[in-house]
Amino acid sequence: MAEKNQILESMAVSIFCQEMSMMLQAGIGPEEALGLLSDDTKEGMLHQVLKGMEKEMILGESFASAVKKSGAFPVYAADMIDAGEKAGRLEHVLRSLRGYYERQDHLESQIRSAVIYPLSLLLMMSVVLLLMVTLVLPVFVNVYENMAGTLAASSYGYFHAARIISIVSLIVIGLISLVILALFIISGTTKGKEWVQSILRRFPLTKAAMLQLSVSQFTDVLSTFLSSGMDTDTAMEEAVSLVSHPELKKTVDQVFADMQGGKSLSQALYDHSVYPSLYGRMLLTAARSGQTEEMLAKLADVTGMDAEEKIEGLISAIEPVMTGFLTVSVGITLLSIMLPLAGMLSAIG
């Protein structure tokens, strides 16, 4: 099994889902497929996870139960696999998860490239500012005192202001660097990732994107259950139980309540604006022609792409913001040198 609370990277989950779906399509059972995959996988976390899951299935656990017990898969992946197994569409769900986590890996790569370079510069600036506060500014004070005897009030004010500016800049840069590093480390665990996601759901800049991503996941699950032949009430009840986003959970609970009161699935979803108005009307039209499942599958893809575009837009803004902050920090650093020099020159002149 995986180390406690450690989860697989998105690309590893994507590859696992792809390999499993291909073997299931070829008529190989999940238990045998896990054995074949573990034999072909090099020693490491994924190999241990596969071996552990194979043992669980030998002891009588289902494939979905083995996935959950491993603790190595994201909650969404484990829930979707469980839903797919219940609905008899495990192969379809695994193919869907392959694409989803491939896109997740792409987003994570973008985040790393957008953050790591500015972060490394911020860390270097922290070192520069620390050296200035502890070594450079005291040297200027000593030089001036040797030249002029004692510091004049105005010159002392320059030095004092420079020291304060440097210390404040150092603290700000250090805190930003520590927060970013902490988020990277925390997001590597199951509980940590859930905690980071809960913050993103409340953060104004990411709130809308996280809600839309949850809508896409909910739609995907609902489409999977309906495609398996489940009636709409049961499919909706099962899909609602897998929603983790608090705001969406409240909305879909109201949708389900309306369905119990006699409304159709598509009408209830439209009335509570689960989807944008255009998409809601498309679903109503599809329901009239008996194509609800197909339209939900399309909506899952469309809303997922919309959410990813919003997230990518935020990611693309990270680097210029951090670079701008770095530029300001450099300017403050130069001022912390120039202000004392100006005081010295004015005093000498």
Protein backbone atom coordinates (compact mmCIF):
# COMPACT_ATOMS: atom_id res chain seq x y z
CA MET A 1 0.00 0.00 0.00
CA ALA A 2 1.01 3.63 -0.36
CA GLU A 3 2.60 5.55 2.44
CA LYS A 4 0.02 7.05 4.77
CA ASN A 5 -1.89 9.98 3.23
CA GLN A 6 0.37 10.02 0.15
CA ILE A 7 -1.44 10.20 -3.17
CA LEU A 8 -0.32 9.39 -6.70
CA GLU A 9 0.57 12.19 -9.09
CA SER A 10 -2.04 13.08 -11.70
CA MET A 11 -0.07 11.56 -14.60
CA ALA A 12 0.35 8.29 -12.69
CA VAL A 13 -3.42 8.16 -12.09
CA SER A 14 -4.03 8.89 -15.80
CA ILE A 15 -1.68 6.10 -16.93
CA PHE A 16 -3.21 3.66 -14.45
CA CYS A 17 -6.73 4.40 -15.72
CA GLN A 18 -5.63 4.08 -19.34
CA GLU A 19 -3.93 0.72 -18.79
CA MET A 20 -6.83 -0.67 -16.75
CA SER A 21 -9.45 0.43 -19.32
CA MET A 22 -7.48 -1.19 -22.14
CA MET A 23 -7.21 -4.48 -20.24
CA LEU A 24 -10.89 -4.46 -19.32
CA GLN A 25 -11.74 -3.81 -22.97
CA ALA A 26 -9.62 -6.85 -23.89
CA GLY A 27 -11.69 -9.00 -21.54
CA ILE A 28 -9.17 -9.22 -18.67
CA GLY A 29 -10.67 -9.04 -15.17
CA PRO A 30 -9.65 -6.29 -12.72
CA GLU A 31 -7.77 -8.65 -10.38
CA GLU A 32 -5.72 -10.18 -13.20
CA ALA A 33 -5.17 -6.73 -14.75
CA LEU A 34 -3.75 -5.44 -11.46
CA GLY A 35 -1.36 -8.38 -11.32
CA LEU A 36 -0.15 -7.77 -14.87
CA LEU A 37 0.28 -4.05 -14.24
CA SER A 38 2.22 -4.58 -11.00
CA ASP A 39 4.56 -7.04 -12.74
CA ASP A 40 5.28 -4.48 -15.48
CA THR A 41 5.78 -1.57 -13.05
CA LYS A 42 9.17 -0.70 -11.57
CA GLU A 43 9.68 -0.70 -7.82
CA GLY A 44 8.20 2.43 -6.28
CA MET A 45 4.99 3.87 -4.93
CA LEU A 46 2.78 2.81 -7.86
CA HIS A 47 4.14 -0.75 -7.74
CA GLN A 48 3.37 -0.98 -4.01
CA VAL A 49 -0.13 0.42 -4.56
CA LEU A 50 -0.90 -2.11 -7.30
CA LYS A 51 0.40 -5.02 -5.22
CA GLY A 52 -1.68 -3.89 -2.25
CA MET A 53 -4.81 -3.55 -4.38
CA GLU A 54 -4.25 -7.01 -5.89
CA LYS A 55 -4.02 -8.52 -2.38
CA GLU A 56 -7.25 -6.76 -1.36
CA MET A 57 -9.08 -8.23 -4.37
CA ILE A 58 -7.71 -11.70 -3.62
CA LEU A 59 -9.22 -11.35 -0.14
CA GLY A 60 -12.60 -10.65 -1.72
CA GLU A 61 -12.75 -6.85 -1.99
CA SER A 62 -14.20 -5.20 -5.09
CA PHE A 63 -12.00 -3.17 -7.43
CA ALA A 64 -13.52 0.12 -6.21
CA SER A 65 -13.05 -0.89 -2.57
CA ALA A 66 -9.39 -1.79 -3.24
CA VAL A 67 -8.88 1.63 -4.84
CA LYS A 68 -10.34 3.42 -1.80
CA LYS A 69 -8.45 1.30 0.74
CA SER A 70 -5.14 2.02 -0.99
CA GLY A 71 -5.48 5.70 0.03
CA ALA A 72 -3.31 6.55 -2.99
CA PHE A 73 -5.98 7.90 -5.34
CA PRO A 74 -7.67 11.32 -5.30
CA VAL A 75 -11.15 11.31 -3.76
CA TYR A 76 -12.80 12.17 -7.09
CA ALA A 77 -11.10 9.25 -8.86
CA ALA A 78 -12.07 6.79 -6.09
CA ASP A 79 -15.69 8.02 -6.08
CA MET A 80 -15.97 7.85 -9.87
CA ILE A 81 -14.55 4.32 -9.99
CA ASP A 82 -17.04 3.28 -7.31
CA ALA A 83 -19.88 4.86 -9.29
CA GLY A 84 -18.70 3.23 -12.53
CA GLU A 85 -18.49 -0.20 -10.93
CA LYS A 86 -21.99 0.13 -9.45
CA ALA A 87 -23.35 1.26 -12.81
CA GLY A 88 -21.57 -1.46 -14.79
CA ARG A 89 -19.60 1.15 -16.76
CA LEU A 90 -16.17 0.82 -15.16
CA GLU A 91 -14.34 0.76 -18.48
CA HIS A 92 -16.07 3.96 -19.64
CA VAL A 93 -15.34 5.72 -16.33
CA LEU A 94 -11.66 4.74 -16.44
CA ARG A 95 -11.32 6.18 -19.95
CA SER A 96 -12.99 9.39 -18.76
CA LEU A 97 -10.64 9.62 -15.75
CA ARG A 98 -7.63 9.08 -18.00
CA GLY A 99 -8.42 12.26 -19.92
CA TYR A 100 -9.39 14.19 -16.79
CA TYR A 101 -6.14 13.49 -14.93
CA GLU A 102 -4.08 14.05 -18.06
CA ARG A 103 -5.54 17.56 -18.18
CA GLN A 104 -4.92 17.90 -14.42
CA ASP A 105 -1.26 17.05 -14.96
CA HIS A 106 -1.07 19.73 -17.67
CA LEU A 107 -2.55 22.32 -15.29
CA GLU A 108 -0.19 21.31 -12.50
CA SER A 109 2.78 21.64 -14.88
CA GLN A 110 1.61 25.12 -15.81
CA ILE A 111 1.35 26.07 -12.13
CA ARG A 112 4.86 24.80 -11.44
CA SER A 113 6.35 26.68 -14.40
CA ALA A 114 4.47 29.85 -13.48
CA VAL A 115 5.49 29.78 -9.82
CA ILE A 116 8.87 28.08 -9.45
CA TYR A 117 10.93 30.59 -11.49
CA PRO A 118 9.62 33.71 -9.70
CA LEU A 119 9.80 31.83 -6.40
CA SER A 120 13.48 31.04 -6.93
CA LEU A 121 14.13 34.72 -7.65
CA LEU A 122 12.20 35.71 -4.52
CA LEU A 123 14.32 33.35 -2.43
CA MET A 124 17.50 34.83 -3.89
CA MET A 125 16.20 38.31 -3.13
CA SER A 126 15.58 37.20 0.46
CA VAL A 127 19.24 36.24 0.73
CA VAL A 128 20.33 39.57 -0.81
CA LEU A 129 18.16 41.60 1.56
CA LEU A 130 19.34 39.59 4.54
CA LEU A 131 22.97 40.27 3.64
CA MET A 132 22.22 43.97 3.17
CA VAL A 133 20.53 44.28 6.56
CA THR A 134 23.18 42.35 8.47
CA LEU A 135 26.37 43.21 6.56
CA VAL A 136 26.14 45.99 3.96
CA LEU A 137 24.31 48.74 5.86
CA PRO A 138 26.50 48.43 8.99
CA VAL A 139 29.59 48.80 6.76
CA PHE A 140 28.23 52.09 5.35
CA VAL A 141 27.60 53.32 8.88
CA ASN A 142 31.19 52.52 9.89
CA VAL A 143 32.63 54.16 6.76
CA TYR A 144 30.65 57.33 7.34
CA GLU A 145 31.57 57.49 11.02
CA ASN A 146 35.24 57.13 10.09
CA MET A 147 34.89 59.95 7.55
CA ALA A 148 32.70 62.35 9.50
CA GLY A 149 33.00 61.28 13.11
CA THR A 150 29.33 60.78 13.88
CA LEU A 151 26.16 60.53 11.84
CA ALA A 152 24.15 63.71 11.35
CA ALA A 153 20.45 63.49 12.18
CA SER A 154 19.40 63.51 8.50
CA SER A 155 21.95 60.86 7.53
CA TYR A 156 20.97 58.70 10.49
CA GLY A 157 17.35 59.02 9.33
CA TYR A 158 18.31 57.71 5.89
CA PHE A 159 20.11 54.73 7.37
CA HIS A 160 17.25 54.01 9.76
CA ALA A 161 14.66 54.20 6.96
CA ALA A 162 16.79 51.98 4.72
CA ARG A 163 17.10 49.36 7.43
CA ILE A 164 13.33 49.35 8.07
CA ILE A 165 12.54 49.09 4.34
CA SER A 166 14.96 46.20 3.90
CA ILE A 167 13.63 44.31 6.92
CA VAL A 168 9.98 44.76 5.88
CA SER A 169 10.79 43.63 2.32
CA LEU A 170 12.66 40.63 3.67
CA ILE A 171 9.74 39.63 5.90
CA VAL A 172 7.17 40.00 3.09
CA ILE A 173 9.24 38.06 0.56
CA GLY A 174 10.05 35.38 3.12
CA LEU A 175 6.40 34.92 4.09
CA ILE A 176 5.26 34.66 0.46
CA SER A 177 7.97 32.09 -0.26
CA LEU A 178 7.09 30.04 2.82
CA VAL A 179 3.35 30.07 2.01
CA ILE A 180 3.95 28.87 -1.56
CA LEU A 181 6.34 26.14 -0.43
CA ALA A 182 3.93 25.04 2.31
CA LEU A 183 1.04 24.77 -0.17
CA PHE A 184 3.16 22.63 -2.50
CA ILE A 185 4.11 20.29 0.34
CA ILE A 186 0.62 20.09 1.88
CA SER A 187 -1.07 19.40 -1.48
CA GLY A 188 0.97 16.19 -1.76
CA THR A 189 -1.26 14.47 0.83
CA THR A 190 -4.93 13.51 0.62
CA LYS A 191 -6.06 15.66 3.54
CA GLY A 192 -3.76 18.48 2.49
CA LYS A 193 -5.15 18.53 -1.03
CA GLU A 194 -8.71 18.64 0.33
CA TRP A 195 -7.71 21.54 2.61
CA VAL A 196 -6.13 23.46 -0.29
CA GLN A 197 -9.25 22.86 -2.41
CA SER A 198 -11.47 24.17 0.41
CA ILE A 199 -9.41 27.37 0.45
CA LEU A 200 -9.63 27.71 -3.34
CA ARG A 201 -13.41 27.31 -3.13
CA ARG A 202 -13.62 30.37 -0.88
CA PHE A 203 -10.89 32.48 -2.50
CA PRO A 204 -12.56 35.16 -4.70
CA LEU A 205 -10.25 34.67 -7.71
CA THR A 206 -10.70 30.88 -7.85
CA LYS A 207 -14.22 30.46 -6.43
CA ALA A 208 -16.05 30.49 -9.79
CA ALA A 209 -13.60 28.10 -11.48
CA MET A 210 -13.78 25.61 -8.59
CA LEU A 211 -17.60 25.69 -8.65
CA GLN A 212 -17.68 25.06 -12.40
CA LEU A 213 -15.19 22.23 -12.06
CA SER A 214 -17.45 20.62 -9.43
CA VAL A 215 -20.46 21.05 -11.76
CA SER A 216 -18.51 19.23 -14.48
CA GLN A 217 -17.68 16.36 -12.11
CA PHE A 218 -21.30 16.12 -10.93
CA THR A 219 -22.56 16.06 -14.53
CA ASP A 220 -20.07 13.35 -15.46
CA VAL A 221 -21.24 11.13 -12.59
CA LEU A 222 -24.93 11.76 -13.38
CA SER A 223 -24.36 10.95 -17.06
CA THR A 224 -22.56 7.72 -16.11
CA PHE A 225 -25.42 6.51 -13.92
CA LEU A 226 -28.11 7.39 -16.47
CA SER A 227 -26.18 5.72 -19.30
CA SER A 228 -26.06 2.50 -17.24
CA GLY A 229 -29.87 2.29 -17.33
CA MET A 230 -30.56 3.69 -13.85
CA ASP A 231 -33.82 5.62 -13.43
CA THR A 232 -33.41 9.40 -13.10
CA ASP A 233 -34.37 9.61 -9.41
CA THR A 234 -31.88 6.93 -8.33
CA ALA A 235 -29.16 8.31 -10.61
CA MET A 236 -29.67 11.81 -9.22
CA GLU A 237 -29.66 10.55 -5.61
CA GLU A 238 -26.38 8.69 -6.18
CA ALA A 239 -24.79 11.66 -8.01
CA VAL A 240 -25.82 14.10 -5.26
CA SER A 241 -24.21 11.88 -2.61
CA LEU A 242 -20.82 12.29 -4.36
CA VAL A 243 -20.87 16.11 -4.48
CA SER A 244 -18.28 17.64 -2.13
CA HIS A 245 -18.61 21.34 -3.04
CA PRO A 246 -20.83 22.91 -0.30
CA GLU A 247 -22.53 25.47 -2.55
CA LEU A 248 -23.23 22.98 -5.34
CA LYS A 249 -24.35 20.40 -2.79
CA LYS A 250 -27.03 22.79 -1.50
CA THR A 251 -28.25 23.50 -5.04
CA VAL A 252 -28.45 19.88 -6.22
CA ASP A 253 -30.24 18.92 -3.00
CA GLN A 254 -32.92 21.44 -3.98
CA VAL A 255 -32.97 19.99 -7.52
CA PHE A 256 -33.53 16.49 -6.10
CA ALA A 257 -36.29 17.78 -3.82
CA ASP A 258 -38.06 19.33 -6.84
CA MET A 259 -37.76 16.01 -8.67
CA GLN A 260 -39.47 14.30 -5.74
CA GLY A 261 -42.23 16.87 -6.15
CA GLY A 262 -42.83 15.84 -9.76
CA LYS A 263 -40.45 17.97 -11.86
CA SER A 264 -38.34 16.39 -14.56
CA LEU A 265 -34.56 16.20 -14.12
CA SER A 266 -33.80 18.67 -16.92
CA GLN A 267 -36.48 21.16 -15.74
CA ALA A 268 -35.25 21.05 -12.13
CA LEU A 269 -31.63 21.56 -13.23
CA TYR A 270 -32.72 24.51 -15.41
CA ASP A 271 -34.88 26.12 -12.68
CA HIS A 272 -32.01 26.11 -10.17
CA SER A 273 -29.45 27.39 -12.74
CA VAL A 274 -27.04 24.50 -12.23
CA TYR A 275 -25.82 25.31 -15.77
CA PRO A 276 -25.67 28.63 -17.61
CA SER A 277 -28.98 29.52 -19.26
CA LEU A 278 -27.89 28.46 -22.76
CA TYR A 279 -26.70 25.05 -21.59
CA GLY A 280 -29.86 24.62 -19.49
CA ARG A 281 -32.10 25.24 -22.52
CA MET A 282 -30.00 22.78 -24.56
CA LEU A 283 -30.61 20.14 -21.89
CA LEU A 284 -34.38 20.83 -21.94
CA THR A 285 -34.44 20.41 -25.71
CA ALA A 286 -32.40 17.21 -25.51
CA ALA A 287 -34.76 15.80 -22.85
CA ARG A 288 -37.76 16.31 -25.15
CA SER A 289 -36.05 14.23 -27.84
CA GLY A 290 -34.91 11.52 -25.42
CA GLN A 291 -31.22 12.45 -25.55
CA THR A 292 -30.66 13.50 -21.94
CA GLU A 293 -27.73 11.14 -21.34
CA GLU A 294 -25.89 12.26 -24.47
CA MET A 295 -26.40 15.95 -23.68
CA LEU A 296 -25.20 15.50 -20.08
CA ALA A 297 -22.05 13.83 -21.37
CA LYS A 298 -21.45 16.81 -23.66
CA LEU A 299 -22.17 19.27 -20.85
CA ALA A 300 -19.65 17.47 -18.63
CA ASP A 301 -16.97 18.04 -21.29
CA VAL A 302 -17.99 21.64 -22.03
CA THR A 303 -18.24 22.78 -18.40
CA GLY A 304 -14.97 21.00 -17.63
CA MET A 305 -13.22 22.84 -20.47
CA ASP A 306 -14.71 26.16 -19.34
CA ALA A 307 -13.43 25.58 -15.79
CA GLU A 308 -9.97 24.65 -17.05
CA GLU A 309 -9.83 27.79 -19.22
CA LYS A 310 -10.62 29.92 -16.16
CA ILE A 311 -7.94 28.16 -14.14
CA GLU A 312 -5.41 28.53 -16.95
CA GLY A 313 -6.21 32.25 -17.11
CA LEU A 314 -5.46 32.60 -13.40
CA ILE A 315 -2.26 30.58 -13.78
CA SER A 316 -1.06 32.77 -16.64
CA ALA A 317 -1.48 35.81 -14.35
CA ILE A 318 0.68 34.35 -11.56
CA GLU A 319 4.06 34.89 -13.20
CA PRO A 320 3.61 38.58 -14.18
CA VAL A 321 2.20 39.38 -10.71
CA MET A 322 5.10 37.71 -8.95
CA THR A 323 7.60 39.23 -11.37
CA GLY A 324 6.09 42.66 -10.71
CA PHE A 325 6.44 42.14 -6.98
CA LEU A 326 10.04 41.09 -7.55
CA THR A 327 10.70 44.28 -9.53
CA VAL A 328 9.32 46.35 -6.66
CA SER A 329 11.53 44.44 -4.24
CA VAL A 330 14.59 45.16 -6.37
CA GLY A 331 13.68 48.85 -6.42
CA ILE A 332 13.34 48.86 -2.64
CA THR A 333 16.71 47.16 -2.36
CA LEU A 334 18.36 49.82 -4.50
CA LEU A 335 16.69 52.57 -2.49
CA SER A 336 18.03 51.06 0.71
CA ILE A 337 21.52 51.64 -0.70
CA MET A 338 20.92 54.99 -2.41
CA LEU A 339 19.20 56.70 0.52
CA PRO A 340 22.18 56.32 2.90
CA LEU A 341 24.58 57.30 0.10
CA ALA A 342 22.52 60.42 -0.56
CA GLY A 343 22.66 61.25 3.12
CA MET A 344 26.43 60.78 3.21
CA LEU A 345 27.01 62.89 0.10
CA SER A 346 24.75 65.70 1.34
CA ALA A 347 26.56 65.73 4.69
CA ILE A 348 30.04 65.74 3.07
CA GLY A 349 29.07 68.34 0.47
